[in-house]
Amino acid sequence: LESTEECLANYPQLEPFIWSWDSLEHPLSAFPNDFEKGVRSFLAWQI
């Protein structure tokens, strides 16, 4: 019934688990400065 933002505002328990299309499409935006370590950590998370 509501927009995603309005709905999630009512459920703060979900804040650590927010779904982000932008982060999925551009995963490097959250990478640390050391790319090789970042990609290895990302691979571990995928697994």
All heavy atoms as atom14 arrays in JSON, in Angstrom:
{
  "sequence": "LESTEECLANYPQLEPFIWSWDSLEHPLSAFPNDFEKGVRSFLAWQI",
  "atom14_mask": [
    [1, 1, 1, 1, 1, 1, 1, 1, 0, 0, 0, 0, 0, 0],
    [1, 1, 1, 1, 1, 1, 1, 1, 1, 0, 0, 0, 0, 0],
    [1, 1, 1, 1, 1, 1, 0, 0, 0, 0, 0, 0, 0, 0],
    [1, 1, 1, 1, 1, 1, 1, 0, 0, 0, 0, 0, 0, 0],
    [1, 1, 1, 1, 1, 1, 1, 1, 1, 0, 0, 0, 0, 0],
    [1, 1, 1, 1, 1, 1, 1, 1, 1, 0, 0, 0, 0, 0],
    [1, 1, 1, 1, 1, 1, 0, 0, 0, 0, 0, 0, 0, 0],
    [1, 1, 1, 1, 1, 1, 1, 1, 0, 0, 0, 0, 0, 0],
    [1, 1, 1, 1, 1, 0, 0, 0, 0, 0, 0, 0, 0, 0],
    [1, 1, 1, 1, 1, 1, 1, 1, 0, 0, 0, 0, 0, 0],
    [1, 1, 1, 1, 1, 1, 1, 1, 1, 1, 1, 1, 0, 0],
    [1, 1, 1, 1, 1, 1, 1, 0, 0, 0, 0, 0, 0, 0],
    [1, 1, 1, 1, 1, 1, 1, 1, 1, 0, 0, 0, 0, 0],
    [1, 1, 1, 1, 1, 1, 1, 1, 0, 0, 0, 0, 0, 0],
    [1, 1, 1, 1, 1, 1, 1, 1, 1, 0, 0, 0, 0, 0],
    [1, 1, 1, 1, 1, 1, 1, 0, 0, 0, 0, 0, 0, 0],
    [1, 1, 1, 1, 1, 1, 1, 1, 1, 1, 1, 0, 0, 0],
    [1, 1, 1, 1, 1, 1, 1, 1, 0, 0, 0, 0, 0, 0],
    [1, 1, 1, 1, 1, 1, 1, 1, 1, 1, 1, 1, 1, 1],
    [1, 1, 1, 1, 1, 1, 0, 0, 0, 0, 0, 0, 0, 0],
    [1, 1, 1, 1, 1, 1, 1, 1, 1, 1, 1, 1, 1, 1],
    [1, 1, 1, 1, 1, 1, 1, 1, 0, 0, 0, 0, 0, 0],
    [1, 1, 1, 1, 1, 1, 0, 0, 0, 0, 0, 0, 0, 0],
    [1, 1, 1, 1, 1, 1, 1, 1, 0, 0, 0, 0, 0, 0],
    [1, 1, 1, 1, 1, 1, 1, 1, 1, 0, 0, 0, 0, 0],
    [1, 1, 1, 1, 1, 1, 1, 1, 1, 1, 0, 0, 0, 0],
    [1, 1, 1, 1, 1, 1, 1, 0, 0, 0, 0, 0, 0, 0],
    [1, 1, 1, 1, 1, 1, 1, 1, 0, 0, 0, 0, 0, 0],
    [1, 1, 1, 1, 1, 1, 0, 0, 0, 0, 0, 0, 0, 0],
    [1, 1, 1, 1, 1, 0, 0, 0, 0, 0, 0, 0, 0, 0],
    [1, 1, 1, 1, 1, 1, 1, 1, 1, 1, 1, 0, 0, 0],
    [1, 1, 1, 1, 1, 1, 1, 0, 0, 0, 0, 0, 0, 0],
    [1, 1, 1, 1, 1, 1, 1, 1, 0, 0, 0, 0, 0, 0],
    [1, 1, 1, 1, 1, 1, 1, 1, 0, 0, 0, 0, 0, 0],
    [1, 1, 1, 1, 1, 1, 1, 1, 1, 1, 1, 0, 0, 0],
    [1, 1, 1, 1, 1, 1, 1, 1, 1, 0, 0, 0, 0, 0],
    [1, 1, 1, 1, 1, 1, 1, 1, 1, 0, 0, 0, 0, 0],
    [1, 1, 1, 1, 0, 0, 0, 0, 0, 0, 0, 0, 0, 0],
    [1, 1, 1, 1, 1, 1, 1, 0, 0, 0, 0, 0, 0, 0],
    [1, 1, 1, 1, 1, 1, 1, 1, 1, 1, 1, 0, 0, 0],
    [1, 1, 1, 1, 1, 1, 0, 0, 0, 0, 0, 0, 0, 0],
    [1, 1, 1, 1, 1, 1, 1, 1, 1, 1, 1, 0, 0, 0],
    [1, 1, 1, 1, 1, 1, 1, 1, 0, 0, 0, 0, 0, 0],
    [1, 1, 1, 1, 1, 0, 0, 0, 0, 0, 0, 0, 0, 0],
    [1, 1, 1, 1, 1, 1, 1, 1, 1, 1, 1, 1, 1, 1],
    [1, 1, 1, 1, 1, 1, 1, 1, 1, 0, 0, 0, 0, 0],
    [1, 1, 1, 1, 1, 1, 1, 1, 0, 0, 0, 0, 0, 0]
  ],
  "atom14_positions": [
    [[0.81, -1.22, 0.0], [0.0, 0.0, 0.0], [0.85, 1.27, 0.0], [0.44, 2.3, -0.54], [-0.92, 0.01, 1.23], [-2.12, -0.94, 1.18], [-2.84, -0.96, 2.52], [-3.08, -0.53, 0.06], [0.0, 0.0, 0.0], [0.0, 0.0, 0.0], [0.0, 0.0, 0.0], [0.0, 0.0, 0.0], [0.0, 0.0, 0.0], [0.0, 0.0, 0.0]],
    [[2.03, 1.22, 0.61], [2.85, 2.41, 0.76], [4.1, 2.33, -0.12], [4.41, 1.29, -0.69], [3.27, 2.56, 2.24], [2.1, 2.74, 3.2], [2.57, 2.89, 4.64], [3.78, 2.69, 4.9], [1.73, 3.21, 5.5], [0.0, 0.0, 0.0], [0.0, 0.0, 0.0], [0.0, 0.0, 0.0], [0.0, 0.0, 0.0], [0.0, 0.0, 0.0]],
    [[4.81, 3.43, -0.21], [6.1, 3.4, -0.88], [7.07, 2.58, -0.03], [6.86, 2.41, 1.17], [6.65, 4.81, -1.07], [7.06, 5.35, 0.17], [0.0, 0.0, 0.0], [0.0, 0.0, 0.0], [0.0, 0.0, 0.0], [0.0, 0.0, 0.0], [0.0, 0.0, 0.0], [0.0, 0.0, 0.0], [0.0, 0.0, 0.0], [0.0, 0.0, 0.0]],
    [[8.12, 2.1, -0.66], [9.1, 1.29, 0.07], [9.68, 2.07, 1.24], [9.82, 1.54, 2.36], [10.24, 0.85, -0.89], [9.66, 0.12, -1.96], [11.25, -0.01, -0.16], [0.0, 0.0, 0.0], [0.0, 0.0, 0.0], [0.0, 0.0, 0.0], [0.0, 0.0, 0.0], [0.0, 0.0, 0.0], [0.0, 0.0, 0.0], [0.0, 0.0, 0.0]],
    [[10.02, 3.34, 1.03], [10.63, 4.15, 2.08], [9.67, 4.33, 3.25], [10.06, 4.23, 4.43], [11.04, 5.53, 1.53], [12.17, 5.49, 0.51], [11.71, 4.97, -0.86], [10.48, 4.91, -1.11], [12.58, 4.62, -1.67], [0.0, 0.0, 0.0], [0.0, 0.0, 0.0], [0.0, 0.0, 0.0], [0.0, 0.0, 0.0], [0.0, 0.0, 0.0]],
    [[8.39, 4.62, 2.95], [7.4, 4.82, 4.02], [7.2, 3.54, 4.81], [7.1, 3.55, 6.04], [6.06, 5.26, 3.41], [6.07, 6.68, 2.86], [4.8, 7.01, 2.09], [4.17, 6.07, 1.53], [4.44, 8.19, 2.05], [0.0, 0.0, 0.0], [0.0, 0.0, 0.0], [0.0, 0.0, 0.0], [0.0, 0.0, 0.0], [0.0, 0.0, 0.0]],
    [[7.15, 2.42, 4.11], [6.95, 1.14, 4.78], [8.12, 0.82, 5.71], [7.93, 0.48, 6.88], [6.77, 0.03, 3.75], [6.72, -1.63, 4.48], [0.0, 0.0, 0.0], [0.0, 0.0, 0.0], [0.0, 0.0, 0.0], [0.0, 0.0, 0.0], [0.0, 0.0, 0.0], [0.0, 0.0, 0.0], [0.0, 0.0, 0.0], [0.0, 0.0, 0.0]],
    [[9.35, 0.94, 5.19], [10.52, 0.55, 5.99], [10.72, 1.46, 7.2], [11.32, 1.03, 8.19], [11.77, 0.56, 5.1], [11.8, -0.49, 3.99], [13.07, -0.36, 3.17], [11.66, -1.9, 4.55], [0.0, 0.0, 0.0], [0.0, 0.0, 0.0], [0.0, 0.0, 0.0], [0.0, 0.0, 0.0], [0.0, 0.0, 0.0], [0.0, 0.0, 0.0]],
    [[10.23, 2.68, 7.11], [10.32, 3.58, 8.26], [9.57, 3.02, 9.47], [9.9, 3.35, 10.62], [9.78, 4.96, 7.9], [0.0, 0.0, 0.0], [0.0, 0.0, 0.0], [0.0, 0.0, 0.0], [0.0, 0.0, 0.0], [0.0, 0.0, 0.0], [0.0, 0.0, 0.0], [0.0, 0.0, 0.0], [0.0, 0.0, 0.0], [0.0, 0.0, 0.0]],
    [[8.57, 2.18, 9.21], [7.78, 1.57, 10.28], [8.44, 0.31, 10.85], [7.95, -0.24, 11.84], [6.38, 1.21, 9.78], [5.59, 2.43, 9.33], [5.64, 3.47, 9.99], [4.88, 2.31, 8.22], [0.0, 0.0, 0.0], [0.0, 0.0, 0.0], [0.0, 0.0, 0.0], [0.0, 0.0, 0.0], [0.0, 0.0, 0.0], [0.0, 0.0, 0.0]],
    [[9.51, -0.14, 10.21], [10.15, -1.4, 10.63], [11.66, -1.19, 10.77], [12.45, -1.65, 9.93], [9.85, -2.52, 9.62], [8.39, -2.82, 9.48], [7.63, -2.26, 8.45], [7.75, -3.66, 10.39], [6.28, -2.53, 8.32], [6.39, -3.95, 10.27], [5.67, -3.38, 9.24], [4.33, -3.66, 9.11], [0.0, 0.0, 0.0], [0.0, 0.0, 0.0]],
    [[12.09, -0.52, 11.82], [13.52, -0.24, 12.0], [14.38, -1.5, 12.12], [15.58, -1.46, 11.89], [13.57, 0.59, 13.29], [12.28, 0.29, 13.99], [11.28, 0.04, 12.93], [0.0, 0.0, 0.0], [0.0, 0.0, 0.0], [0.0, 0.0, 0.0], [0.0, 0.0, 0.0], [0.0, 0.0, 0.0], [0.0, 0.0, 0.0], [0.0, 0.0, 0.0]],
    [[13.74, -2.65, 12.45], [14.51, -3.91, 12.56], [15.13, -4.3, 11.21], [16.12, -5.03, 11.16], [13.61, -5.06, 13.02], [12.79, -4.79, 14.27], [11.37, -4.4, 13.93], [11.13, -3.43, 13.19], [10.42, -5.14, 14.48], [0.0, 0.0, 0.0], [0.0, 0.0, 0.0], [0.0, 0.0, 0.0], [0.0, 0.0, 0.0], [0.0, 0.0, 0.0]],
    [[14.56, -3.79, 10.12], [15.06, -4.16, 8.8], [16.18, -3.24, 8.31], [16.76, -3.5, 7.24], [13.9, -4.11, 7.78], [12.88, -5.26, 7.88], [11.67, -4.96, 7.0], [13.52, -6.58, 7.48], [0.0, 0.0, 0.0], [0.0, 0.0, 0.0], [0.0, 0.0, 0.0], [0.0, 0.0, 0.0], [0.0, 0.0, 0.0], [0.0, 0.0, 0.0]],
    [[16.49, -2.21, 9.07], [17.48, -1.23, 8.61], [18.84, -1.86, 8.25], [19.47, -1.45, 7.28], [17.66, -0.14, 9.68], [18.52, 1.01, 9.18], [18.58, 2.15, 10.19], [17.71, 2.21, 11.09], [19.49, 2.99, 10.07], [0.0, 0.0, 0.0], [0.0, 0.0, 0.0], [0.0, 0.0, 0.0], [0.0, 0.0, 0.0], [0.0, 0.0, 0.0]],
    [[19.34, -2.87, 9.01], [20.64, -3.45, 8.64], [20.59, -4.28, 7.36], [21.65, -4.71, 6.88], [20.99, -4.34, 9.85], [20.08, -3.92, 10.94], [18.84, -3.42, 10.28], [0.0, 0.0, 0.0], [0.0, 0.0, 0.0], [0.0, 0.0, 0.0], [0.0, 0.0, 0.0], [0.0, 0.0, 0.0], [0.0, 0.0, 0.0], [0.0, 0.0, 0.0]],
    [[19.39, -4.51, 6.83], [19.26, -5.46, 5.72], [18.63, -4.81, 4.48], [17.98, -5.49, 3.68], [18.39, -6.66, 6.15], [18.81, -7.26, 7.46], [18.09, -7.01, 8.63], [19.93, -8.06, 7.54], [18.47, -7.57, 9.84], [20.33, -8.63, 8.75], [19.6, -8.37, 9.9], [0.0, 0.0, 0.0], [0.0, 0.0, 0.0], [0.0, 0.0, 0.0]],
    [[18.84, -3.53, 4.3], [18.19, -2.8, 3.22], [18.65, -3.34, 1.85], [19.84, -3.53, 1.6], [18.49, -1.29, 3.31], [17.88, -0.72, 4.59], [17.95, -0.55, 2.08], [16.38, -0.83, 4.69], [0.0, 0.0, 0.0], [0.0, 0.0, 0.0], [0.0, 0.0, 0.0], [0.0, 0.0, 0.0], [0.0, 0.0, 0.0], [0.0, 0.0, 0.0]],
    [[17.68, -3.56, 0.98], [17.94, -3.97, -0.41], [18.24, -2.72, -1.23], [17.47, -1.76, -1.21], [16.73, -4.69, -0.98], [16.87, -5.1, -2.42], [16.62, -4.33, -3.51], [17.28, -6.38, -2.91], [16.84, -5.05, -4.66], [17.26, -6.32, -4.33], [17.67, -7.58, -2.31], [17.61, -7.4, -5.14], [18.01, -8.65, -3.11], [17.98, -8.55, -4.51]],
    [[19.34, -2.73, -1.97], [19.72, -1.56, -2.76], [20.02, -1.98, -4.2], [21.02, -2.67, -4.45], [20.95, -0.86, -2.16], [21.47, 0.1, -3.05], [0.0, 0.0, 0.0], [0.0, 0.0, 0.0], [0.0, 0.0, 0.0], [0.0, 0.0, 0.0], [0.0, 0.0, 0.0], [0.0, 0.0, 0.0], [0.0, 0.0, 0.0], [0.0, 0.0, 0.0]],
    [[19.18, -1.56, -5.13], [19.42, -1.85, -6.55], [20.71, -1.19, -7.02], [21.46, -1.77, -7.81], [18.24, -1.37, -7.4], [17.01, -2.2, -7.21], [15.93, -1.89, -6.44], [16.74, -3.47, -7.79], [14.99, -2.89, -6.5], [15.46, -3.87, -7.33], [17.43, -4.31, -8.66], [14.87, -5.08, -7.71], [16.85, -5.52, -9.04], [15.59, -5.89, -8.58]],
    [[20.97, 0.0, -6.53], [22.16, 0.73, -6.95], [23.43, 0.0, -6.5], [24.4, -0.11, -7.26], [22.14, 2.15, -6.39], [23.26, 3.01, -6.96], [23.29, 3.19, -8.19], [24.12, 3.44, -6.18], [0.0, 0.0, 0.0], [0.0, 0.0, 0.0], [0.0, 0.0, 0.0], [0.0, 0.0, 0.0], [0.0, 0.0, 0.0], [0.0, 0.0, 0.0]],
    [[23.43, -0.52, -5.28], [24.6, -1.25, -4.78], [24.8, -2.56, -5.54], [25.94, -2.98, -5.77], [24.45, -1.54, -3.29], [24.44, -0.34, -2.56], [0.0, 0.0, 0.0], [0.0, 0.0, 0.0], [0.0, 0.0, 0.0], [0.0, 0.0, 0.0], [0.0, 0.0, 0.0], [0.0, 0.0, 0.0], [0.0, 0.0, 0.0], [0.0, 0.0, 0.0]],
    [[23.71, -3.19, -5.93], [23.82, -4.43, -6.7], [24.41, -4.15, -8.08], [25.25, -4.91, -8.58], [22.45, -5.09, -6.86], [21.87, -5.75, -5.62], [20.43, -6.17, -5.86], [22.71, -6.96, -5.21], [0.0, 0.0, 0.0], [0.0, 0.0, 0.0], [0.0, 0.0, 0.0], [0.0, 0.0, 0.0], [0.0, 0.0, 0.0], [0.0, 0.0, 0.0]],
    [[23.95, -3.07, -8.68], [24.42, -2.73, -10.02], [25.85, -2.21, -9.99], [26.62, -2.43, -10.93], [23.49, -1.7, -10.65], [23.74, -1.48, -12.12], [22.69, -0.58, -12.76], [21.8, -0.1, -12.05], [22.78, -0.37, -13.97], [0.0, 0.0, 0.0], [0.0, 0.0, 0.0], [0.0, 0.0, 0.0], [0.0, 0.0, 0.0], [0.0, 0.0, 0.0]],
    [[26.2, -1.5, -8.91], [27.54, -0.89, -8.81], [28.19, -1.33, -7.5], [28.37, -0.53, -6.58], [27.42, 0.64, -8.85], [26.67, 1.16, -10.03], [27.17, 1.14, -11.31], [25.41, 1.7, -10.12], [26.28, 1.65, -12.15], [25.21, 2.0, -11.45], [0.0, 0.0, 0.0], [0.0, 0.0, 0.0], [0.0, 0.0, 0.0], [0.0, 0.0, 0.0]],
    [[28.59, -2.58, -7.41], [29.11, -3.1, -6.13], [30.41, -2.43, -5.69], [30.72, -2.41, -4.5], [29.34, -4.6, -6.42], [29.42, -4.7, -7.91], [28.53, -3.63, -8.44], [0.0, 0.0, 0.0], [0.0, 0.0, 0.0], [0.0, 0.0, 0.0], [0.0, 0.0, 0.0], [0.0, 0.0, 0.0], [0.0, 0.0, 0.0], [0.0, 0.0, 0.0]],
    [[31.16, -1.87, -6.63], [32.46, -1.27, -6.26], [32.3, -0.02, -5.41], [33.27, 0.43, -4.79], [33.27, -0.93, -7.51], [33.63, -2.09, -8.44], [34.57, -1.62, -9.52], [34.23, -3.24, -7.67], [0.0, 0.0, 0.0], [0.0, 0.0, 0.0], [0.0, 0.0, 0.0], [0.0, 0.0, 0.0], [0.0, 0.0, 0.0], [0.0, 0.0, 0.0]],
    [[31.1, 0.56, -5.38], [30.89, 1.79, -4.61], [31.15, 1.58, -3.12], [31.44, 2.52, -2.39], [29.47, 2.32, -4.82], [28.51, 1.35, -4.41], [0.0, 0.0, 0.0], [0.0, 0.0, 0.0], [0.0, 0.0, 0.0], [0.0, 0.0, 0.0], [0.0, 0.0, 0.0], [0.0, 0.0, 0.0], [0.0, 0.0, 0.0], [0.0, 0.0, 0.0]],
    [[31.04, 0.32, -2.67], [31.25, 0.03, -1.24], [32.61, -0.61, -0.98], [32.89, -1.06, 0.13], [30.14, -0.89, -0.74], [0.0, 0.0, 0.0], [0.0, 0.0, 0.0], [0.0, 0.0, 0.0], [0.0, 0.0, 0.0], [0.0, 0.0, 0.0], [0.0, 0.0, 0.0], [0.0, 0.0, 0.0], [0.0, 0.0, 0.0], [0.0, 0.0, 0.0]],
    [[33.46, -0.66, -2.01], [34.76, -1.33, -1.86], [35.75, -0.45, -1.08], [35.72, 0.78, -1.18], [35.35, -1.64, -3.24], [35.07, -3.05, -3.7], [33.8, -3.6, -3.56], [36.05, -3.82, -4.3], [33.53, -4.88, -3.99], [35.79, -5.1, -4.74], [34.53, -5.63, -4.57], [0.0, 0.0, 0.0], [0.0, 0.0, 0.0], [0.0, 0.0, 0.0]],
    [[36.66, -1.1, -0.34], [37.74, -0.35, 0.31], [38.76, 0.1, -0.73], [38.68, -0.24, -1.9], [38.35, -1.38, 1.27], [38.06, -2.71, 0.62], [36.73, -2.54, -0.06], [0.0, 0.0, 0.0], [0.0, 0.0, 0.0], [0.0, 0.0, 0.0], [0.0, 0.0, 0.0], [0.0, 0.0, 0.0], [0.0, 0.0, 0.0], [0.0, 0.0, 0.0]],
    [[39.74, 0.85, -0.29], [40.76, 1.36, -1.21], [41.59, 0.26, -1.84], [41.99, 0.34, -3.0], [41.69, 2.34, -0.48], [40.96, 3.61, -0.1], [40.02, 4.0, -0.79], [41.4, 4.24, 0.98], [0.0, 0.0, 0.0], [0.0, 0.0, 0.0], [0.0, 0.0, 0.0], [0.0, 0.0, 0.0], [0.0, 0.0, 0.0], [0.0, 0.0, 0.0]],
    [[41.86, -0.8, -1.09], [42.63, -1.93, -1.61], [41.7, -2.82, -2.42], [40.93, -3.61, -1.85], [43.27, -2.7, -0.46], [44.24, -3.77, -0.94], [44.02, -4.34, -2.02], [45.23, -4.03, -0.23], [0.0, 0.0, 0.0], [0.0, 0.0, 0.0], [0.0, 0.0, 0.0], [0.0, 0.0, 0.0], [0.0, 0.0, 0.0], [0.0, 0.0, 0.0]],
    [[41.74, -2.7, -3.75], [40.78, -3.4, -4.59], [40.92, -4.91, -4.48], [39.91, -5.62, -4.39], [40.94, -2.97, -6.05], [39.99, -3.7, -6.98], [38.67, -3.29, -7.1], [40.42, -4.81, -7.7], [37.79, -3.97, -7.93], [39.54, -5.49, -8.54], [38.23, -5.07, -8.65], [0.0, 0.0, 0.0], [0.0, 0.0, 0.0], [0.0, 0.0, 0.0]],
    [[42.14, -5.43, -4.5], [42.31, -6.89, -4.49], [41.76, -7.51, -3.21], [41.12, -8.55, -3.25], [43.8, -7.25, -4.68], [44.28, -7.01, -6.11], [45.59, -7.73, -6.4], [45.87, -8.74, -5.73], [46.31, -7.27, -7.28], [0.0, 0.0, 0.0], [0.0, 0.0, 0.0], [0.0, 0.0, 0.0], [0.0, 0.0, 0.0], [0.0, 0.0, 0.0]],
    [[41.99, -6.86, -2.07], [41.41, -7.36, -0.82], [39.89, -7.23, -0.85], [39.16, -8.08, -0.36], [41.99, -6.6, 0.37], [43.42, -6.99, 0.71], [43.89, -6.27, 1.97], [45.32, -6.68, 2.33], [45.81, -5.96, 3.53], [0.0, 0.0, 0.0], [0.0, 0.0, 0.0], [0.0, 0.0, 0.0], [0.0, 0.0, 0.0], [0.0, 0.0, 0.0]],
    [[39.43, -6.12, -1.43], [37.99, -5.9, -1.51], [37.29, -6.95, -2.33], [36.24, -7.47, -1.93], [0.0, 0.0, 0.0], [0.0, 0.0, 0.0], [0.0, 0.0, 0.0], [0.0, 0.0, 0.0], [0.0, 0.0, 0.0], [0.0, 0.0, 0.0], [0.0, 0.0, 0.0], [0.0, 0.0, 0.0], [0.0, 0.0, 0.0], [0.0, 0.0, 0.0]],
    [[37.85, -7.3, -3.49], [37.2, -8.27, -4.35], [37.25, -9.67, -3.72], [36.32, -10.47, -3.88], [37.81, -8.26, -5.77], [39.12, -9.02, -5.84], [36.83, -8.83, -6.8], [0.0, 0.0, 0.0], [0.0, 0.0, 0.0], [0.0, 0.0, 0.0], [0.0, 0.0, 0.0], [0.0, 0.0, 0.0], [0.0, 0.0, 0.0], [0.0, 0.0, 0.0]],
    [[38.33, -9.95, -2.98], [38.4, -11.27, -2.31], [37.37, -11.36, -1.2], [36.72, -12.41, -1.01], [39.82, -11.48, -1.75], [40.03, -12.83, -1.06], [39.84, -14.0, -2.0], [40.0, -15.27, -1.3], [39.05, -15.86, -0.61], [37.84, -15.3, -0.5], [39.28, -17.03, -0.02], [0.0, 0.0, 0.0], [0.0, 0.0, 0.0], [0.0, 0.0, 0.0]],
    [[37.16, -10.27, -0.47], [36.13, -10.24, 0.57], [34.73, -10.34, -0.03], [33.85, -11.02, 0.51], [36.24, -8.96, 1.41], [37.47, -8.91, 2.08], [0.0, 0.0, 0.0], [0.0, 0.0, 0.0], [0.0, 0.0, 0.0], [0.0, 0.0, 0.0], [0.0, 0.0, 0.0], [0.0, 0.0, 0.0], [0.0, 0.0, 0.0], [0.0, 0.0, 0.0]],
    [[34.54, -9.65, -1.16], [33.25, -9.69, -1.83], [32.95, -11.11, -2.31], [31.82, -11.6, -2.18], [33.26, -8.74, -3.02], [31.95, -8.65, -3.76], [30.88, -7.92, -3.24], [31.77, -9.3, -4.97], [29.68, -7.84, -3.91], [30.57, -9.22, -5.66], [29.52, -8.49, -5.12], [0.0, 0.0, 0.0], [0.0, 0.0, 0.0], [0.0, 0.0, 0.0]],
    [[33.95, -11.8, -2.83], [33.79, -13.18, -3.27], [33.43, -14.08, -2.1], [32.55, -14.95, -2.21], [35.07, -13.65, -3.96], [35.08, -15.05, -4.58], [34.0, -15.21, -5.62], [36.45, -15.33, -5.2], [0.0, 0.0, 0.0], [0.0, 0.0, 0.0], [0.0, 0.0, 0.0], [0.0, 0.0, 0.0], [0.0, 0.0, 0.0], [0.0, 0.0, 0.0]],
    [[34.07, -13.87, -0.96], [33.76, -14.65, 0.25], [32.32, -14.41, 0.68], [31.61, -15.35, 1.1], [34.73, -14.29, 1.37], [0.0, 0.0, 0.0], [0.0, 0.0, 0.0], [0.0, 0.0, 0.0], [0.0, 0.0, 0.0], [0.0, 0.0, 0.0], [0.0, 0.0, 0.0], [0.0, 0.0, 0.0], [0.0, 0.0, 0.0], [0.0, 0.0, 0.0]],
    [[31.86, -13.15, 0.57], [30.47, -12.83, 0.92], [29.5, -13.52, -0.04], [28.48, -14.08, 0.38], [30.27, -11.31, 0.9], [28.87, -10.9, 1.24], [28.34, -10.77, 2.49], [27.82, -10.6, 0.32], [27.01, -10.39, 2.41], [26.66, -10.29, 1.09], [27.72, -10.57, -1.07], [25.45, -9.95, 0.5], [26.52, -10.22, -1.66], [25.39, -9.92, -0.88]],
    [[29.79, -13.48, -1.34], [28.96, -14.17, -2.32], [28.83, -15.66, -1.98], [27.72, -16.22, -2.0], [29.56, -14.05, -3.73], [29.44, -12.69, -4.38], [30.04, -12.72, -5.79], [31.08, -13.32, -6.03], [29.38, -12.05, -6.71], [0.0, 0.0, 0.0], [0.0, 0.0, 0.0], [0.0, 0.0, 0.0], [0.0, 0.0, 0.0], [0.0, 0.0, 0.0]],
    [[29.95, -16.28, -1.67], [29.96, -17.71, -1.36], [29.13, -17.98, -0.11], [28.33, -18.92, -0.07], [31.41, -18.2, -1.18], [32.15, -18.17, -2.52], [31.45, -19.6, -0.59], [33.65, -18.35, -2.42], [0.0, 0.0, 0.0], [0.0, 0.0, 0.0], [0.0, 0.0, 0.0], [0.0, 0.0, 0.0], [0.0, 0.0, 0.0], [0.0, 0.0, 0.0]]
  ]
}
